[in-house]
Protein backbone atom coordinates (compact mmCIF):
# COMPACT_ATOMS: atom_id res chain seq x y z
CA MET A 1 73.24 57.04 -10.16
CA ILE A 2 70.56 55.85 -8.21
CA HIS A 3 70.79 52.24 -7.21
CA PRO A 4 67.15 50.46 -8.34
CA SER A 5 66.78 48.97 -4.71
CA ALA A 6 66.44 52.51 -3.68
CA LEU A 7 63.02 54.66 -2.76
CA VAL A 8 63.30 58.12 -4.26
CA ASP A 9 59.92 60.53 -3.54
CA PRO A 10 58.75 61.85 -7.23
CA GLY A 11 59.00 65.33 -4.85
CA ALA A 12 62.34 65.38 -4.33
CA ARG A 13 64.89 67.22 -6.32
CA LEU A 14 68.41 65.39 -6.99
CA ASP A 15 71.13 67.13 -9.08
CA SER A 16 72.16 64.28 -11.62
CA GLY A 17 75.40 63.82 -10.28
CA VAL A 18 74.06 62.56 -7.24
CA GLU A 19 74.35 59.31 -6.13
CA VAL A 20 71.83 57.42 -3.85
CA GLY A 21 72.62 53.77 -2.95
CA PRO A 22 71.27 50.49 -2.22
CA PHE A 23 68.21 50.82 0.10
CA ALA A 24 68.27 54.01 0.91
CA VAL A 25 65.22 56.54 1.00
CA ILE A 26 64.55 60.07 -0.03
CA GLY A 27 61.77 61.37 1.00
CA PRO A 28 59.58 64.46 -0.22
CA GLU A 29 61.05 67.62 -0.19
CA VAL A 30 64.34 66.89 0.13
CA GLU A 31 66.80 68.73 -2.16
CA ILE A 32 70.48 67.77 -2.71
CA GLY A 33 73.20 69.49 -4.96
CA ALA A 34 75.72 68.08 -7.29
CA GLY A 35 78.32 65.36 -5.97
CA THR A 36 76.93 64.57 -2.80
CA ARG A 37 76.80 60.61 -2.25
CA ILE A 38 73.80 58.94 -0.09
CA GLY A 39 74.87 55.54 1.32
CA PRO A 40 73.18 52.72 1.36
CA HIS A 41 70.12 51.80 4.01
CA ALA A 42 70.57 55.64 4.65
CA VAL A 43 67.19 57.49 5.35
CA VAL A 44 66.88 61.49 4.15
CA ARG A 45 63.21 62.98 4.89
CA GLY A 46 61.95 66.78 4.13
CA PRO A 47 62.00 69.22 4.53
CA THR A 48 65.72 69.39 3.90
CA ARG A 49 68.72 70.76 1.49
CA ILE A 50 71.73 69.13 1.52
CA GLY A 51 74.30 71.00 -0.53
CA ARG A 52 77.34 69.79 -2.86
CA ASP A 53 79.82 67.40 -2.12
CA ASN A 54 78.73 65.69 0.87
CA ARG A 55 79.44 62.20 1.72
CA ILE A 56 76.42 60.69 3.62
CA PHE A 57 77.45 57.06 4.66
CA GLN A 58 75.03 53.66 5.57
CA PHE A 59 72.75 53.84 7.83
CA THR A 60 72.43 57.52 8.63
CA SER A 61 68.97 59.39 9.24
CA ILE A 62 68.89 62.32 8.23
CA GLY A 63 66.37 65.67 8.28
CA GLU A 64 63.90 63.34 10.79
CA ASN A 65 61.07 64.36 13.19
CA PRO A 66 62.78 66.17 16.33
CA GLN A 67 62.27 64.25 19.44
CA ASP A 68 60.66 66.85 21.43
CA LYS A 69 56.97 66.26 22.73
CA LYS A 70 56.27 69.77 21.87
CA TYR A 71 56.41 69.02 18.41
CA ALA A 72 53.12 68.38 15.93
CA GLY A 73 53.87 68.35 12.79
CA GLU A 74 54.67 71.07 11.68
CA PRO A 75 56.99 71.75 8.30
CA THR A 76 60.66 72.44 9.78
CA ARG A 77 63.57 72.30 8.38
CA LEU A 78 67.13 71.05 7.94
CA GLU A 79 69.73 72.66 6.18
CA ILE A 80 73.36 71.09 5.47
CA GLY A 81 75.80 72.90 3.55
CA ASP A 82 78.93 71.63 1.56
CA ARG A 83 81.95 68.96 1.93
CA ASN A 84 80.63 66.95 5.09
CA GLN A 85 81.16 63.78 5.90
CA VAL A 86 78.23 62.31 7.84
CA ARG A 87 79.45 58.54 8.86
CA GLU A 88 77.56 55.73 9.92
CA PHE A 89 74.08 55.66 12.60
CA VAL A 90 74.57 59.27 12.50
CA THR A 91 71.05 61.03 13.25
CA ILE A 92 70.45 64.60 12.38
CA HIS A 93 66.90 66.06 13.07
CA ARG A 94 64.98 69.27 11.88
CA GLY A 95 63.93 72.29 13.75
CA THR A 96 60.94 73.38 15.91
CA VAL A 97 58.70 76.32 15.74
CA GLN A 98 59.83 76.99 19.14
CA ASP A 99 62.70 78.31 17.81
CA GLN A 100 63.76 79.29 14.21
CA GLY A 101 62.00 76.13 12.95
CA VAL A 102 65.70 75.02 11.46
CA THR A 103 68.31 72.92 11.99
CA ARG A 104 72.01 74.49 10.44
CA ILE A 105 74.86 72.75 9.55
CA GLY A 106 77.49 74.38 7.61
CA ASP A 107 80.44 73.51 5.34
CA ASP A 108 83.58 70.69 5.64
CA ASN A 109 82.14 69.15 9.12
CA LEU A 110 83.57 65.75 9.86
CA LEU A 111 80.65 63.72 12.22
CA MET A 112 81.83 60.60 12.89
CA ALA A 113 79.70 57.37 13.28
CA TYR A 114 76.68 57.27 16.36
CA THR A 115 77.08 61.22 16.49
CA HIS A 116 73.97 63.00 17.41
CA VAL A 117 72.33 66.51 16.40
CA ALA A 118 69.29 67.29 17.57
CA HIS A 119 66.74 69.73 17.03
CA ASP A 120 67.40 73.50 16.11
CA CYS A 121 70.81 73.09 16.43
CA ARG A 122 73.59 74.96 14.94
CA ILE A 123 76.95 73.71 13.88
CA GLY A 124 79.50 76.31 11.72
CA ASN A 125 82.60 75.32 9.53
CA ASP A 126 85.19 72.53 10.01
CA VAL A 127 83.83 71.04 12.78
CA ILE A 128 84.79 67.77 14.31
CA MET A 129 82.30 65.47 16.43
CA ALA A 130 84.09 62.55 17.33
CA ASN A 131 82.18 59.07 17.72
CA ALA A 132 78.78 59.39 20.03
CA ALA A 133 79.43 62.96 20.45
CA SER A 134 75.41 64.16 21.36
CA LEU A 135 73.64 67.61 20.88
CA GLY A 136 70.92 68.54 22.85
CA GLY A 137 68.63 71.05 21.14
CA HIS A 138 69.22 74.10 20.54
CA VAL A 139 73.18 73.90 20.55
CA GLU A 140 75.51 76.13 18.91
CA VAL A 141 78.92 75.08 18.02
CA GLN A 142 81.05 77.29 15.90
CA ASP A 143 83.84 76.69 13.60
CA TRP A 144 86.76 74.72 14.46
CA ALA A 145 85.09 73.55 17.36
CA ILE A 146 86.17 69.75 18.54
CA LEU A 147 83.79 67.21 20.65
CA GLY A 148 85.51 63.80 21.39
CA GLY A 149 84.27 60.91 21.70
CA PHE A 150 81.21 60.68 24.28
CA THR A 151 81.12 63.88 25.02
CA ILE A 152 77.38 65.09 25.58
CA VAL A 153 75.90 68.78 25.31
CA HIS A 154 72.56 70.04 27.40
CA GLN A 155 70.37 72.18 25.62
CA PHE A 156 70.94 75.69 24.71
CA THR A 157 74.59 75.38 25.06
CA ARG A 158 77.32 77.28 22.69
CA ILE A 159 80.52 75.90 22.22
CA GLY A 160 82.88 78.69 20.78
CA ALA A 161 85.59 78.84 17.79
CA HIS A 162 88.55 76.49 18.22
CA SER A 163 87.81 75.46 21.13
CA PHE A 164 88.52 71.62 22.15
CA CYS A 165 86.26 69.32 24.43
CA ALA A 166 87.91 66.00 25.82
CA MET A 167 86.77 62.48 25.39
CA GLY A 168 83.35 62.38 27.70
CA SER A 169 82.99 65.63 28.41
CA VAL A 170 79.42 66.77 29.98
CA LEU A 171 79.04 70.09 29.04
CA GLY A 172 76.30 72.04 30.94
CA ARG A 173 77.81 75.10 30.64
CA ASP A 174 79.11 77.49 27.55
CA VAL A 175 82.64 76.53 26.42
CA PRO A 176 84.66 79.78 25.34
CA PRO A 177 86.41 80.18 22.23
CA TYR A 178 89.74 78.51 22.21
CA VAL A 179 89.48 76.81 25.60
CA THR A 180 90.25 73.25 26.65
CA VAL A 181 87.83 71.43 28.78
CA GLY A 182 86.86 68.12 29.96
CA GLY A 183 85.52 66.09 32.65
CA HIS A 184 82.29 65.66 34.47
CA PRO A 185 81.16 68.59 34.88
CA ALA A 186 83.43 69.81 32.38
CA ALA A 187 86.01 71.82 33.77
CA PRO A 188 88.76 74.35 31.55
CA HIS A 189 92.10 72.93 31.18
CA GLY A 190 94.05 75.51 29.58
CA ILE A 191 93.92 76.82 26.03
CA ASN A 192 93.81 74.62 22.60
CA SER A 193 97.39 75.58 21.75
CA GLU A 194 98.20 72.78 19.08
CA GLY A 195 94.56 73.58 17.33
CA LEU A 196 95.64 77.48 17.12
CA ARG A 197 98.66 76.29 15.45
CA ARG A 198 97.45 73.98 13.08
CA ARG A 199 95.30 77.33 11.79
CA GLY A 200 97.77 79.17 11.49
CA PHE A 201 97.59 81.60 14.38
CA GLU A 202 100.67 83.71 14.79
CA PRO A 203 103.17 83.42 18.11
CA ALA A 204 101.78 86.36 19.64
CA ALA A 205 98.14 85.58 19.47
CA ILE A 206 98.52 82.15 20.89
CA GLN A 207 100.52 84.30 23.98
CA ALA A 208 97.99 86.74 24.20
CA ILE A 209 94.96 83.95 23.95
CA LYS A 210 97.12 82.13 27.04
CA ARG A 211 97.25 85.70 29.05
CA ALA A 212 93.33 85.98 28.45
CA TYR A 213 92.63 82.58 29.80
CA ARG A 214 94.57 83.26 32.93
CA SER A 215 92.80 86.88 33.34
CA LEU A 216 89.57 84.55 32.89
CA TYR A 217 90.38 81.56 35.08
CA LEU A 218 93.46 82.07 37.33
CA ALA A 219 93.60 85.80 38.29
CA GLY A 220 90.80 85.67 40.84
CA LEU A 221 88.96 88.36 38.99
CA ARG A 222 84.95 88.81 38.67
CA ARG A 223 83.92 88.20 35.02
CA GLU A 224 83.16 91.30 34.56
CA GLU A 225 86.60 92.50 35.71
CA ALA A 226 88.51 89.88 33.67
CA LEU A 227 86.74 91.43 30.41
CA GLU A 228 87.65 94.82 30.90
CA ARG A 229 91.60 93.42 31.12
CA ILE A 230 90.84 91.41 27.93
CA ALA A 231 89.61 94.14 26.43
CA THR A 232 92.36 96.20 26.90
CA MET A 233 94.64 93.47 25.52
CA SER A 234 92.54 92.79 22.62
CA ALA A 235 93.73 96.34 21.16
CA GLU A 236 96.99 94.74 20.32
CA THR A 237 95.27 91.26 19.26
CA PRO A 238 91.91 91.50 17.59
CA GLU A 239 91.75 87.31 18.52
CA LEU A 240 90.50 88.50 21.89
CA HIS A 241 87.60 89.95 20.36
CA ALA A 242 85.36 86.52 19.68
CA LEU A 243 86.31 85.73 23.79
CA ILE A 244 85.31 89.26 25.10
CA ASP A 245 82.03 88.71 22.46
CA PHE A 246 81.42 84.96 23.48
CA ILE A 247 81.78 85.49 26.84
CA ALA A 248 79.10 88.55 27.33
CA ALA A 249 76.51 87.15 25.37
CA SER A 250 76.28 83.91 27.48
CA ALA A 251 73.00 83.58 28.88
CA ARG A 252 74.28 79.85 30.76
CA GLY A 253 77.20 81.36 31.96
CA ILE A 254 80.41 79.62 30.94
CA VAL A 255 82.51 76.67 32.31
CA ARG A 256 84.26 77.50 35.87
């Protein structure tokens, strides 16, 4: 299932069920799992591991050297899970030794055309990055987050689970779980209610998350006071623990 015009290095390890399209280039130290399809003119450079049933579309660049002037050719890695869709002209770079040496992408993610994942990023599961959304180095994107088209994320920023970043958002601070943000610079605009409903959150949990948002952003409380109030609410709504833990661990501060 490898097209005669494709170039596959003898040092690459491809499952027998992998499909490689015309003029694709697969370098050494690349491992690709069963059912994954590599499109025409795609380039995959190692060390890179790609799991099962992924669809890598044409003209993508996967596992290239990081765009970091400190990078000096160290053998860093890229790890991609299962069932991801990586659309046209997406670029994903390997890690650096200044971090953990690896860029990681989980399962069931959709990276639309022209998106960029820089070195040392960590993307969870079920994430959507719309066209031309771009991550600086060392960014963390948690499960079910959605980044609208042309969203720009500063290095070391964290984006919480189930959050929503509107088209054209510019993020220099962390986005807490469940929160909707937008603008340049990004500011909070309520919670991602529709997304939570679609993912099966109970109405009572959604209402509790709304109350937590009001405590955090609308009640005039200091961050510590808001967290204390939300912690009291979390006794009946365990979904709030993710919000508390995320904010407590924020080094860059959260969007305000």
